Amino acid sequence: MDHLDRYDRILRLVTEDIKIGKYKYNLKDELYKFYVHNNKSAGIRVRKIMQMLRKESVIVRKDVQRIKKYEM
């Protein structure tokens, strides 16, 4: 996967609708539901999206470390 593809994937996780199961959710909306309306189910969805974001971030972090190591 290209580096820009990784960037785009992370950006989509943060800004666009994400499909979880058969429904689509938006991180911003789910955060609002959780923090403002105290919707506990929205908290579960926030955690799922954040887990997806974490996995992508780990891959990007490893790529950056690898590139830095071989370019220096």
C-alpha atoms as a PDB file:
ATOM      1  CA  MET A   1       0.000   0.000   0.000  1.00  0.00           C
ATOM      2  CA  ASP A   2       1.294   3.439  -0.947  1.00  0.00           C
ATOM      3  CA  HIS A   3       2.090   6.011   1.762  1.00  0.00           C
ATOM      4  CA  LEU A   4      -0.559   8.390   0.465  1.00  0.00           C
ATOM      5  CA  ASP A   5      -3.081   5.567   0.605  1.00  0.00           C
ATOM      6  CA  ARG A   6      -2.292   5.153   4.311  1.00  0.00           C
ATOM      7  CA  TYR A   7      -2.681   8.878   4.838  1.00  0.00           C
ATOM      8  CA  ASP A   8      -6.009   8.866   3.005  1.00  0.00           C
ATOM      9  CA  ARG A   9      -7.231   5.878   5.042  1.00  0.00           C
ATOM     10  CA  ILE A  10      -6.427   7.615   8.335  1.00  0.00           C
ATOM     11  CA  LEU A  11      -8.059  10.806   7.103  1.00  0.00           C
ATOM     12  CA  ARG A  12     -11.212   8.890   6.099  1.00  0.00           C
ATOM     13  CA  LEU A  13     -11.401   7.224   9.522  1.00  0.00           C
ATOM     14  CA  VAL A  14     -11.383  10.632  11.179  1.00  0.00           C
ATOM     15  CA  THR A  15     -13.611  12.587   8.800  1.00  0.00           C
ATOM     16  CA  GLU A  16     -15.912  10.281   6.831  1.00  0.00           C
ATOM     17  CA  ASP A  17     -18.589   7.706   7.569  1.00  0.00           C
ATOM     18  CA  ILE A  18     -17.177   4.333   8.636  1.00  0.00           C
ATOM     19  CA  LYS A  19     -19.089   1.114   8.128  1.00  0.00           C
ATOM     20  CA  ILE A  20     -19.383  -0.986  11.271  1.00  0.00           C
ATOM     21  CA  GLY A  21     -21.563  -4.011  10.708  1.00  0.00           C
ATOM     22  CA  LYS A  22     -24.369  -2.990   8.399  1.00  0.00           C
ATOM     23  CA  TYR A  23     -24.501   0.658   9.498  1.00  0.00           C
ATOM     24  CA  LYS A  24     -22.325   3.694   8.798  1.00  0.00           C
ATOM     25  CA  TYR A  25     -21.056   5.943  11.577  1.00  0.00           C
ATOM     26  CA  ASN A  26     -19.106   9.185  11.715  1.00  0.00           C
ATOM     27  CA  LEU A  27     -16.503   9.643  14.467  1.00  0.00           C
ATOM     28  CA  LYS A  28     -17.448  13.283  15.085  1.00  0.00           C
ATOM     29  CA  ASP A  29     -21.143  12.441  15.427  1.00  0.00           C
ATOM     30  CA  GLU A  30     -20.470   9.490  17.705  1.00  0.00           C
ATOM     31  CA  LEU A  31     -18.181  11.570  19.938  1.00  0.00           C
ATOM     32  CA  TYR A  32     -20.910  14.188  20.203  1.00  0.00           C
ATOM     33  CA  LYS A  33     -23.528  11.573  21.085  1.00  0.00           C
ATOM     34  CA  PHE A  34     -21.266  10.078  23.728  1.00  0.00           C
ATOM     35  CA  TYR A  35     -19.995  13.236  25.411  1.00  0.00           C
ATOM     36  CA  VAL A  36     -23.011  15.521  25.067  1.00  0.00           C
ATOM     37  CA  HIS A  37     -25.945  13.103  25.186  1.00  0.00           C
ATOM     38  CA  ASN A  38     -24.247  10.478  27.390  1.00  0.00           C
ATOM     39  CA  ASN A  39     -25.126   7.759  24.861  1.00  0.00           C
ATOM     40  CA  LYS A  40     -23.185   4.706  26.052  1.00  0.00           C
ATOM     41  CA  SER A  41     -23.718   2.820  22.776  1.00  0.00           C
ATOM     42  CA  ALA A  42     -22.018   5.667  20.927  1.00  0.00           C
ATOM     43  CA  GLY A  43     -19.038   5.123  23.231  1.00  0.00           C
ATOM     44  CA  ILE A  44     -18.704   1.561  21.941  1.00  0.00           C
ATOM     45  CA  ARG A  45     -18.715   2.827  18.369  1.00  0.00           C
ATOM     46  CA  VAL A  46     -16.138   5.507  19.227  1.00  0.00           C
ATOM     47  CA  ARG A  47     -13.871   2.831  20.666  1.00  0.00           C
ATOM     48  CA  LYS A  48     -14.240   0.673  17.549  1.00  0.00           C
ATOM     49  CA  ILE A  49     -13.357   3.551  15.236  1.00  0.00           C
ATOM     50  CA  MET A  50     -10.445   4.568  17.469  1.00  0.00           C
ATOM     51  CA  GLN A  51      -9.170   0.971  17.373  1.00  0.00           C
ATOM     52  CA  MET A  52      -9.219   1.090  13.564  1.00  0.00           C
ATOM     53  CA  LEU A  53      -7.347   4.392  13.710  1.00  0.00           C
ATOM     54  CA  ARG A  54      -4.814   2.910  16.131  1.00  0.00           C
ATOM     55  CA  LYS A  55      -4.081  -0.024  13.820  1.00  0.00           C
ATOM     56  CA  GLU A  56      -3.469   2.272  10.860  1.00  0.00           C
ATOM     57  CA  SER A  57      -1.336   4.586  13.001  1.00  0.00           C
ATOM     58  CA  VAL A  58       0.909   1.725  14.102  1.00  0.00           C
ATOM     59  CA  ILE A  59       1.551   0.786  10.466  1.00  0.00           C
ATOM     60  CA  VAL A  60       2.366   4.387   9.527  1.00  0.00           C
ATOM     61  CA  ARG A  61       4.659   4.734  12.542  1.00  0.00           C
ATOM     62  CA  LYS A  62       6.589   1.612  11.539  1.00  0.00           C
ATOM     63  CA  ASP A  63       6.886   2.866   7.954  1.00  0.00           C
ATOM     64  CA  VAL A  64       8.259   6.188   9.156  1.00  0.00           C
ATOM     65  CA  GLN A  65      10.817   4.450  11.379  1.00  0.00           C
ATOM     66  CA  ARG A  66      11.896   2.144   8.555  1.00  0.00           C
ATOM     67  CA  ILE A  67      12.251   4.992   6.051  1.00  0.00           C
ATOM     68  CA  LYS A  68      14.179   7.154   8.516  1.00  0.00           C
ATOM     69  CA  LYS A  69      16.544   4.299   9.279  1.00  0.00           C
ATOM     70  CA  TYR A  70      17.420   3.603   5.651  1.00  0.00           C
ATOM     71  CA  GLU A  71      17.554   7.194   4.423  1.00  0.00           C
ATOM     72  CA  MET A  72      20.004   8.391   7.047  1.00  0.00           C
END
